[in-house]
Amino acid sequence: MIRPIEIARELNISTSLLRHYEKKQLLPLPERSSSGYRLYTQESLHYFRAIRATTIAYGYHAAEKIMNTIQTNDYTATFWLINTEQVKLNQRKKISDQTLALLHEEEWQEITQMPKRGWLTIGETAERLAITETAIRHWTKEHLLEVPRDPESNYRMFDEHAIQQLLFIRMIRASTWSLNEVREILSQFQADSPKRMIDLAEQSLRTLNELLKRQMISTKYIYELLQYLQSDFFEDFPSSDFY
């Protein structure tokens, strides 16, 4: 039997978080001693390692789904859930890469160039920045940016500053910042130069790279858990019939 405090120390968390994972049924409930103490086993330890690593890598909501499929022995569903989350991270990486590329001087001047009237419509803006109109409307609804309307046509007028803000919002939303964190950053942001945006784009990429590492670590512990639960499930080096 393994004491809760031993598991907590290994995972660098509190014993109350272990109980929280248990309460949320992210692992099979442990047996209890006659005096009511939890009797954690080697299986419990494998579960806790996988839960902790997966929560850090994918967030609690995704981790809950992943652990539920493991408990129902639907390991193929586990792999597809992990794959879906990895695809999402790859998409966020592409957005950060694209944004960073746009911030170089030549591309920056081209993307912020305005027509004679001095502004773009939402459709023109969406096409230029490769952002959906739905996303732009959502961000304006969330008051991440204020865009005035043309008094005659009632179209929203996206000027150079709005274009810069949208590019900035798309970039930092691709990272791990929440909407509230985006608002705070925007309140301090001056979009008169791409330098600050380049710094943040590079920071975003570093964050995503670290998250990728966390996902690989999570895969390690999920693999170890599944190996423990069903040692013959994986065939690391299949025969040539597989190819």
Protein backbone atom coordinates (compact mmCIF):
# COMPACT_ATOMS: atom_id res chain seq x y z
CA MET A 1 0.00 0.00 0.00
CA ILE A 2 1.12 3.54 -0.75
CA ARG A 3 0.32 6.45 1.54
CA PRO A 4 -1.41 9.52 0.02
CA ILE A 5 1.35 11.81 1.26
CA GLU A 6 3.96 9.77 -0.66
CA ILE A 7 2.04 10.16 -3.92
CA ALA A 8 1.43 13.85 -3.24
CA ARG A 9 5.12 14.47 -2.65
CA GLU A 10 6.12 12.71 -5.86
CA LEU A 11 3.63 14.73 -7.91
CA ASN A 12 4.37 17.97 -6.04
CA ILE A 13 0.71 18.49 -5.14
CA SER A 14 -1.43 18.41 -2.01
CA THR A 15 -3.25 15.37 -0.69
CA SER A 16 -6.48 17.37 -1.04
CA LEU A 17 -5.90 17.46 -4.81
CA LEU A 18 -5.58 13.68 -4.77
CA ARG A 19 -8.94 13.51 -3.03
CA HIS A 20 -10.35 15.93 -5.62
CA TYR A 21 -9.24 13.65 -8.47
CA GLU A 22 -10.81 10.76 -6.63
CA LYS A 23 -14.05 12.67 -6.00
CA LYS A 24 -14.27 13.49 -9.72
CA GLN A 25 -13.82 9.76 -10.43
CA LEU A 26 -10.74 10.22 -12.58
CA LEU A 27 -9.49 6.89 -11.25
CA PRO A 28 -11.07 3.81 -9.66
CA LEU A 29 -12.02 4.38 -6.04
CA PRO A 30 -9.50 2.82 -3.66
CA GLU A 31 -10.37 0.31 -1.03
CA ARG A 32 -10.28 1.47 2.59
CA SER A 33 -8.85 -0.04 5.72
CA SER A 34 -11.02 -0.97 8.69
CA SER A 35 -10.14 2.43 10.17
CA GLY A 36 -11.19 4.25 6.99
CA TYR A 37 -7.77 5.03 5.49
CA ARG A 38 -7.44 4.94 1.71
CA LEU A 39 -5.43 1.97 0.46
CA TYR A 40 -3.69 3.29 -2.63
CA THR A 41 -1.92 0.70 -4.77
CA GLN A 42 0.66 0.69 -7.56
CA GLU A 43 -2.26 1.00 -9.97
CA SER A 44 -3.44 4.10 -8.12
CA LEU A 45 0.04 5.61 -8.45
CA HIS A 46 0.05 5.02 -12.22
CA TYR A 47 -3.38 6.64 -12.46
CA PHE A 48 -2.33 9.67 -10.42
CA ARG A 49 0.80 10.16 -12.51
CA ALA A 50 -1.23 10.03 -15.71
CA ILE A 51 -3.93 12.33 -14.33
CA ARG A 52 -1.45 14.94 -13.15
CA ALA A 53 0.62 14.92 -16.34
CA THR A 54 -2.48 14.99 -18.54
CA THR A 55 -4.10 17.83 -16.60
CA ILE A 56 -0.97 19.96 -16.99
CA ALA A 57 -0.69 19.14 -20.70
CA TYR A 58 -4.31 19.37 -21.84
CA GLY A 59 -6.29 21.07 -19.10
CA TYR A 60 -8.79 19.57 -16.69
CA HIS A 61 -11.73 19.22 -19.11
CA ALA A 62 -9.76 17.21 -21.68
CA ALA A 63 -7.98 15.22 -18.98
CA GLU A 64 -11.33 14.18 -17.52
CA LYS A 65 -12.47 12.81 -20.89
CA ILE A 66 -9.18 11.00 -21.44
CA MET A 67 -9.20 9.36 -18.02
CA ASN A 68 -12.84 8.32 -18.40
CA THR A 69 -12.03 6.41 -21.62
CA ILE A 70 -9.15 4.65 -19.86
CA GLN A 71 -11.43 3.53 -17.04
CA THR A 72 -13.90 2.09 -19.56
CA ASN A 73 -11.03 0.30 -21.36
CA ASP A 74 -11.73 2.22 -24.56
CA TYR A 75 -8.07 2.88 -25.26
CA THR A 76 -8.62 3.70 -28.93
CA ALA A 77 -10.92 6.54 -27.88
CA THR A 78 -8.16 7.65 -25.49
CA PHE A 79 -5.70 7.91 -28.36
CA TRP A 80 -8.11 9.88 -30.56
CA LEU A 81 -8.83 12.35 -27.76
CA ILE A 82 -5.10 12.88 -27.31
CA ASN A 83 -4.67 13.25 -31.06
CA THR A 84 -7.43 15.87 -31.18
CA GLU A 85 -5.72 17.93 -28.50
CA GLN A 86 -2.38 17.65 -30.28
CA VAL A 87 -3.96 18.85 -33.52
CA LYS A 88 -5.34 21.88 -31.67
CA LEU A 89 -1.86 22.70 -30.39
CA ASN A 90 -0.45 22.36 -33.89
CA GLN A 91 -3.08 24.79 -35.19
CA ARG A 92 -2.15 27.30 -32.50
CA LYS A 93 1.51 26.89 -33.44
CA LYS A 94 0.69 27.64 -37.09
CA ILE A 95 -1.18 30.81 -36.09
CA SER A 96 1.79 32.02 -34.05
CA ASP A 97 4.17 31.20 -36.91
CA GLN A 98 1.98 33.02 -39.43
CA THR A 99 1.64 36.04 -37.16
CA LEU A 100 5.37 36.23 -36.57
CA ALA A 101 5.98 36.07 -40.32
CA LEU A 102 3.53 38.94 -40.89
CA LEU A 103 5.36 41.15 -38.42
CA HIS A 104 8.45 41.52 -40.53
CA GLU A 105 8.70 45.05 -41.89
CA GLU A 106 7.69 44.42 -45.51
CA GLU A 107 4.68 42.25 -44.64
CA TRP A 108 3.74 44.56 -41.77
CA GLN A 109 3.52 47.59 -44.05
CA GLU A 110 1.48 45.67 -46.59
CA ILE A 111 -1.00 44.26 -44.09
CA THR A 112 -1.64 47.62 -42.41
CA GLN A 113 -1.99 49.58 -45.65
CA MET A 114 -5.40 51.22 -45.93
CA PRO A 115 -7.51 52.09 -49.00
CA LYS A 116 -8.30 55.74 -49.76
CA ARG A 117 -11.30 55.80 -47.43
CA GLY A 118 -8.92 54.95 -44.55
CA TRP A 119 -10.55 51.76 -43.28
CA LEU A 120 -11.60 48.21 -44.17
CA THR A 121 -14.92 46.43 -43.80
CA ILE A 122 -15.17 43.36 -41.59
CA GLY A 123 -15.13 41.12 -44.66
CA GLU A 124 -12.01 42.79 -46.07
CA THR A 125 -10.35 42.60 -42.68
CA ALA A 126 -11.17 38.92 -42.25
CA GLU A 127 -9.76 38.11 -45.69
CA ARG A 128 -6.56 40.12 -45.16
CA LEU A 129 -5.79 38.61 -41.74
CA ALA A 130 -7.12 35.10 -42.43
CA ILE A 131 -9.48 35.41 -39.45
CA THR A 132 -13.16 34.46 -39.62
CA GLU A 133 -15.77 37.20 -39.40
CA THR A 134 -17.33 35.19 -36.56
CA ALA A 135 -14.12 35.45 -34.53
CA ILE A 136 -13.86 39.20 -35.15
CA ARG A 137 -17.48 39.76 -34.08
CA HIS A 138 -16.89 37.65 -30.97
CA TRP A 139 -13.84 39.67 -29.98
CA THR A 140 -15.68 42.96 -30.47
CA LYS A 141 -18.61 41.60 -28.47
CA GLU A 142 -16.16 40.70 -25.69
CA HIS A 143 -14.87 44.30 -25.85
CA LEU A 144 -11.34 43.25 -26.73
CA LEU A 145 -11.39 46.09 -29.23
CA GLU A 146 -13.70 48.97 -30.03
CA VAL A 147 -14.45 49.54 -33.71
CA PRO A 148 -16.54 52.59 -34.70
CA ARG A 149 -19.18 52.43 -37.42
CA ASP A 150 -19.42 54.48 -40.56
CA PRO A 151 -22.35 56.90 -40.06
CA GLU A 152 -23.57 56.45 -43.64
CA SER A 153 -23.22 52.69 -44.28
CA ASN A 154 -23.20 51.54 -40.63
CA TYR A 155 -20.25 49.30 -41.51
CA ARG A 156 -17.62 48.80 -38.85
CA MET A 157 -14.50 50.75 -39.78
CA PHE A 158 -11.33 48.73 -39.24
CA ASP A 159 -8.45 51.16 -39.48
CA GLU A 160 -4.73 50.49 -39.14
CA HIS A 161 -4.90 50.42 -35.35
CA ALA A 162 -7.80 47.92 -35.39
CA ILE A 163 -5.89 45.71 -37.84
CA GLN A 164 -2.89 45.72 -35.50
CA GLN A 165 -5.09 44.91 -32.52
CA LEU A 166 -6.79 42.02 -34.32
CA LEU A 167 -3.47 40.56 -35.37
CA PHE A 168 -2.29 40.89 -31.80
CA ILE A 169 -5.45 39.30 -30.37
CA ARG A 170 -5.24 36.37 -32.78
CA MET A 171 -1.65 35.77 -31.78
CA ILE A 172 -2.10 35.80 -28.02
CA ARG A 173 -5.35 33.83 -28.17
CA ALA A 174 -3.36 31.10 -29.94
CA SER A 175 -1.26 30.79 -26.80
CA THR A 176 -2.55 29.90 -23.34
CA TRP A 177 -3.86 33.32 -22.29
CA SER A 178 -7.49 33.61 -21.21
CA LEU A 179 -9.84 36.38 -22.38
CA ASN A 180 -9.29 38.30 -19.16
CA GLU A 181 -5.51 38.07 -19.59
CA VAL A 182 -5.90 39.25 -23.19
CA ARG A 183 -7.84 42.29 -21.97
CA GLU A 184 -5.13 43.12 -19.45
CA ILE A 185 -2.39 42.84 -22.05
CA LEU A 186 -4.38 44.92 -24.53
CA SER A 187 -4.89 47.67 -21.95
CA GLN A 188 -1.12 48.09 -21.75
CA PHE A 189 -0.39 47.49 -25.41
CA GLN A 190 0.73 50.17 -27.85
CA ALA A 191 0.39 48.90 -31.41
CA ASP A 192 2.39 51.67 -33.10
CA SER A 193 5.31 49.29 -33.71
CA PRO A 194 5.55 45.57 -34.43
CA LYS A 195 8.51 45.15 -32.06
CA ARG A 196 6.38 44.51 -28.98
CA MET A 197 4.20 42.13 -30.99
CA ILE A 198 7.27 40.27 -32.22
CA ASP A 199 8.44 39.85 -28.62
CA LEU A 200 5.03 38.51 -27.61
CA ALA A 201 4.83 36.24 -30.67
CA GLU A 202 8.19 34.73 -29.74
CA GLN A 203 7.00 34.36 -26.13
CA SER A 204 3.85 32.65 -27.43
CA LEU A 205 5.94 30.20 -29.42
CA ARG A 206 8.08 29.41 -26.39
CA THR A 207 4.90 28.74 -24.39
CA LEU A 208 3.55 26.44 -27.08
CA ASN A 209 6.87 24.61 -27.30
CA GLU A 210 6.76 24.03 -23.55
CA LEU A 211 3.19 22.80 -23.84
CA LEU A 212 4.28 20.38 -26.56
CA LYS A 213 6.89 19.01 -24.16
CA ARG A 214 4.20 18.61 -21.49
CA GLN A 215 2.07 16.65 -23.95
CA MET A 216 4.94 14.27 -24.67
CA ILE A 217 5.45 13.74 -20.93
CA SER A 218 1.73 13.07 -20.54
CA THR A 219 1.91 10.47 -23.31
CA LYS A 220 4.69 8.71 -21.40
CA TYR A 221 2.60 8.35 -18.25
CA ILE A 222 -0.53 7.34 -20.12
CA TYR A 223 1.50 4.67 -21.91
CA GLU A 224 2.87 3.41 -18.59
CA LEU A 225 -0.63 3.30 -17.10
CA LEU A 226 -2.03 1.32 -20.03
CA GLN A 227 0.94 -1.03 -19.93
CA TYR A 228 0.23 -1.66 -16.27
CA LEU A 229 -3.50 -2.21 -16.85
CA GLN A 230 -3.06 -4.45 -19.91
CA SER A 231 0.53 -5.47 -20.52
CA ASP A 232 -0.19 -7.13 -23.88
CA PHE A 233 -2.12 -4.20 -25.35
CA PHE A 234 0.88 -2.57 -27.04
CA GLU A 235 3.12 -4.28 -29.54
CA ASP A 236 5.99 -1.86 -29.79
CA PHE A 237 7.52 -3.38 -32.91
CA PRO A 238 4.84 -5.16 -34.96
CA SER A 239 5.64 -7.69 -37.66
CA SER A 240 5.86 -6.76 -41.32
CA ASP A 241 2.19 -7.70 -41.71
CA PHE A 242 1.35 -4.38 -40.11
CA TYR A 243 2.83 -2.40 -43.02
